[in-house]
Amino acid sequence: MPVEIKELTVRFIVNEKSTSDSSMQSNSKSLKQEDKKMIIEECIEKVLELLERKNER
Protein backbone atom coordinates (compact mmCIF):
# COMPACT_ATOMS: atom_id res chain seq x y z
CA MET A 1 0.00 0.00 0.00
CA PRO A 2 1.53 3.36 -1.01
CA VAL A 3 2.03 6.10 1.53
CA GLU A 4 0.93 9.60 0.62
CA ILE A 5 2.53 12.58 2.34
CA LYS A 6 -0.03 15.35 2.59
CA GLU A 7 2.11 17.90 4.38
CA LEU A 8 5.83 18.36 4.69
CA THR A 9 7.47 20.86 7.01
CA VAL A 10 11.08 21.81 6.44
CA ARG A 11 13.10 23.94 8.83
CA PHE A 12 16.60 25.19 8.35
CA ILE A 13 18.99 27.60 10.02
CA VAL A 14 21.52 29.59 8.04
CA ASN A 15 24.57 30.96 9.76
CA GLU A 16 26.41 33.56 7.81
CA LYS A 17 30.05 34.34 8.47
CA SER A 18 31.05 37.97 8.21
CA THR A 19 33.90 38.90 5.91
CA SER A 20 36.07 41.97 5.87
CA ASP A 21 36.36 42.08 2.09
CA SER A 22 33.72 44.46 0.70
CA SER A 23 33.67 42.83 -2.74
CA MET A 24 32.85 39.49 -1.15
CA GLN A 25 30.04 41.12 0.78
CA SER A 26 28.53 42.67 -2.34
CA ASN A 27 28.77 39.36 -4.21
CA SER A 28 27.13 37.50 -1.35
CA LYS A 29 24.30 40.03 -1.26
CA SER A 30 23.62 39.70 -4.97
CA LEU A 31 23.69 35.92 -4.67
CA LYS A 32 21.27 36.11 -1.82
CA GLN A 33 18.81 38.06 -3.95
CA GLU A 34 19.09 35.51 -6.74
CA ASP A 35 18.63 32.67 -4.27
CA LYS A 36 15.61 34.37 -2.77
CA LYS A 37 14.05 34.77 -6.19
CA MET A 38 14.64 31.12 -7.01
CA ILE A 39 13.12 30.00 -3.73
CA ILE A 40 10.09 32.23 -4.20
CA GLU A 41 9.55 30.95 -7.74
CA GLU A 42 9.74 27.35 -6.56
CA CYS A 43 7.28 28.04 -3.76
CA ILE A 44 4.84 29.68 -6.15
CA GLU A 45 5.06 26.71 -8.50
CA LYS A 46 4.40 24.25 -5.68
CA VAL A 47 1.45 26.24 -4.36
CA LEU A 48 -0.08 26.47 -7.83
CA GLU A 49 0.37 22.71 -8.29
CA LEU A 50 -1.34 22.05 -4.97
CA LEU A 51 -4.21 24.36 -5.88
CA GLU A 52 -4.65 22.62 -9.22
CA ARG A 53 -4.70 19.23 -7.53
CA LYS A 54 -7.25 20.48 -5.02
CA ASN A 55 -9.50 21.82 -7.79
CA GLU A 56 -9.32 18.52 -9.69
CA ARG A 57 -10.82 16.62 -6.78
C-alpha atoms as a PDB file:
ATOM      1  CA  MET A   1       0.000   0.000   0.000  1.00  0.00           C
ATOM      2  CA  PRO A   2       1.533   3.358  -1.011  1.00  0.00           C
ATOM      3  CA  VAL A   3       2.035   6.103   1.526  1.00  0.00           C
ATOM      4  CA  GLU A   4       0.931   9.598   0.619  1.00  0.00           C
ATOM      5  CA  ILE A   5       2.527  12.578   2.337  1.00  0.00           C
ATOM      6  CA  LYS A   6      -0.029  15.349   2.588  1.00  0.00           C
ATOM      7  CA  GLU A   7       2.108  17.895   4.375  1.00  0.00           C
ATOM      8  CA  LEU A   8       5.829  18.358   4.692  1.00  0.00           C
ATOM      9  CA  THR A   9       7.470  20.858   7.011  1.00  0.00           C
ATOM     10  CA  VAL A  10      11.079  21.814   6.442  1.00  0.00           C
ATOM     11  CA  ARG A  11      13.098  23.935   8.829  1.00  0.00           C
ATOM     12  CA  PHE A  12      16.599  25.190   8.345  1.00  0.00           C
ATOM     13  CA  ILE A  13      18.989  27.596  10.015  1.00  0.00           C
ATOM     14  CA  VAL A  14      21.520  29.589   8.043  1.00  0.00           C
ATOM     15  CA  ASN A  15      24.575  30.955   9.757  1.00  0.00           C
ATOM     16  CA  GLU A  16      26.414  33.561   7.808  1.00  0.00           C
ATOM     17  CA  LYS A  17      30.054  34.337   8.468  1.00  0.00           C
ATOM     18  CA  SER A  18      31.051  37.969   8.211  1.00  0.00           C
ATOM     19  CA  THR A  19      33.905  38.899   5.911  1.00  0.00           C
ATOM     20  CA  SER A  20      36.069  41.970   5.872  1.00  0.00           C
ATOM     21  CA  ASP A  21      36.364  42.079   2.088  1.00  0.00           C
ATOM     22  CA  SER A  22      33.722  44.457   0.697  1.00  0.00           C
ATOM     23  CA  SER A  23      33.670  42.833  -2.739  1.00  0.00           C
ATOM     24  CA  MET A  24      32.853  39.492  -1.147  1.00  0.00           C
ATOM     25  CA  GLN A  25      30.043  41.118   0.778  1.00  0.00           C
ATOM     26  CA  SER A  26      28.527  42.674  -2.337  1.00  0.00           C
ATOM     27  CA  ASN A  27      28.768  39.356  -4.207  1.00  0.00           C
ATOM     28  CA  SER A  28      27.130  37.501  -1.354  1.00  0.00           C
ATOM     29  CA  LYS A  29      24.299  40.030  -1.256  1.00  0.00           C
ATOM     30  CA  SER A  30      23.620  39.696  -4.969  1.00  0.00           C
ATOM     31  CA  LEU A  31      23.688  35.917  -4.671  1.00  0.00           C
ATOM     32  CA  LYS A  32      21.266  36.111  -1.815  1.00  0.00           C
ATOM     33  CA  GLN A  33      18.811  38.065  -3.954  1.00  0.00           C
ATOM     34  CA  GLU A  34      19.092  35.510  -6.739  1.00  0.00           C
ATOM     35  CA  ASP A  35      18.634  32.671  -4.265  1.00  0.00           C
ATOM     36  CA  LYS A  36      15.610  34.373  -2.772  1.00  0.00           C
ATOM     37  CA  LYS A  37      14.046  34.773  -6.194  1.00  0.00           C
ATOM     38  CA  MET A  38      14.639  31.122  -7.013  1.00  0.00           C
ATOM     39  CA  ILE A  39      13.119  30.004  -3.727  1.00  0.00           C
ATOM     40  CA  ILE A  40      10.093  32.235  -4.199  1.00  0.00           C
ATOM     41  CA  GLU A  41       9.555  30.950  -7.736  1.00  0.00           C
ATOM     42  CA  GLU A  42       9.741  27.348  -6.559  1.00  0.00           C
ATOM     43  CA  CYS A  43       7.280  28.045  -3.761  1.00  0.00           C
ATOM     44  CA  ILE A  44       4.841  29.683  -6.146  1.00  0.00           C
ATOM     45  CA  GLU A  45       5.056  26.714  -8.498  1.00  0.00           C
ATOM     46  CA  LYS A  46       4.400  24.253  -5.685  1.00  0.00           C
ATOM     47  CA  VAL A  47       1.454  26.241  -4.363  1.00  0.00           C
ATOM     48  CA  LEU A  48      -0.076  26.465  -7.835  1.00  0.00           C
ATOM     49  CA  GLU A  49       0.373  22.713  -8.291  1.00  0.00           C
ATOM     50  CA  LEU A  50      -1.335  22.048  -4.974  1.00  0.00           C
ATOM     51  CA  LEU A  51      -4.208  24.364  -5.880  1.00  0.00           C
ATOM     52  CA  GLU A  52      -4.652  22.617  -9.221  1.00  0.00           C
ATOM     53  CA  ARG A  53      -4.705  19.228  -7.526  1.00  0.00           C
ATOM     54  CA  LYS A  54      -7.250  20.480  -5.022  1.00  0.00           C
ATOM     55  CA  ASN A  55      -9.502  21.825  -7.785  1.00  0.00           C
ATOM     56  CA  GLU A  56      -9.320  18.522  -9.686  1.00  0.00           C
ATOM     57  CA  ARG A  57     -10.821  16.624  -6.783  1.00  0.00           C
END
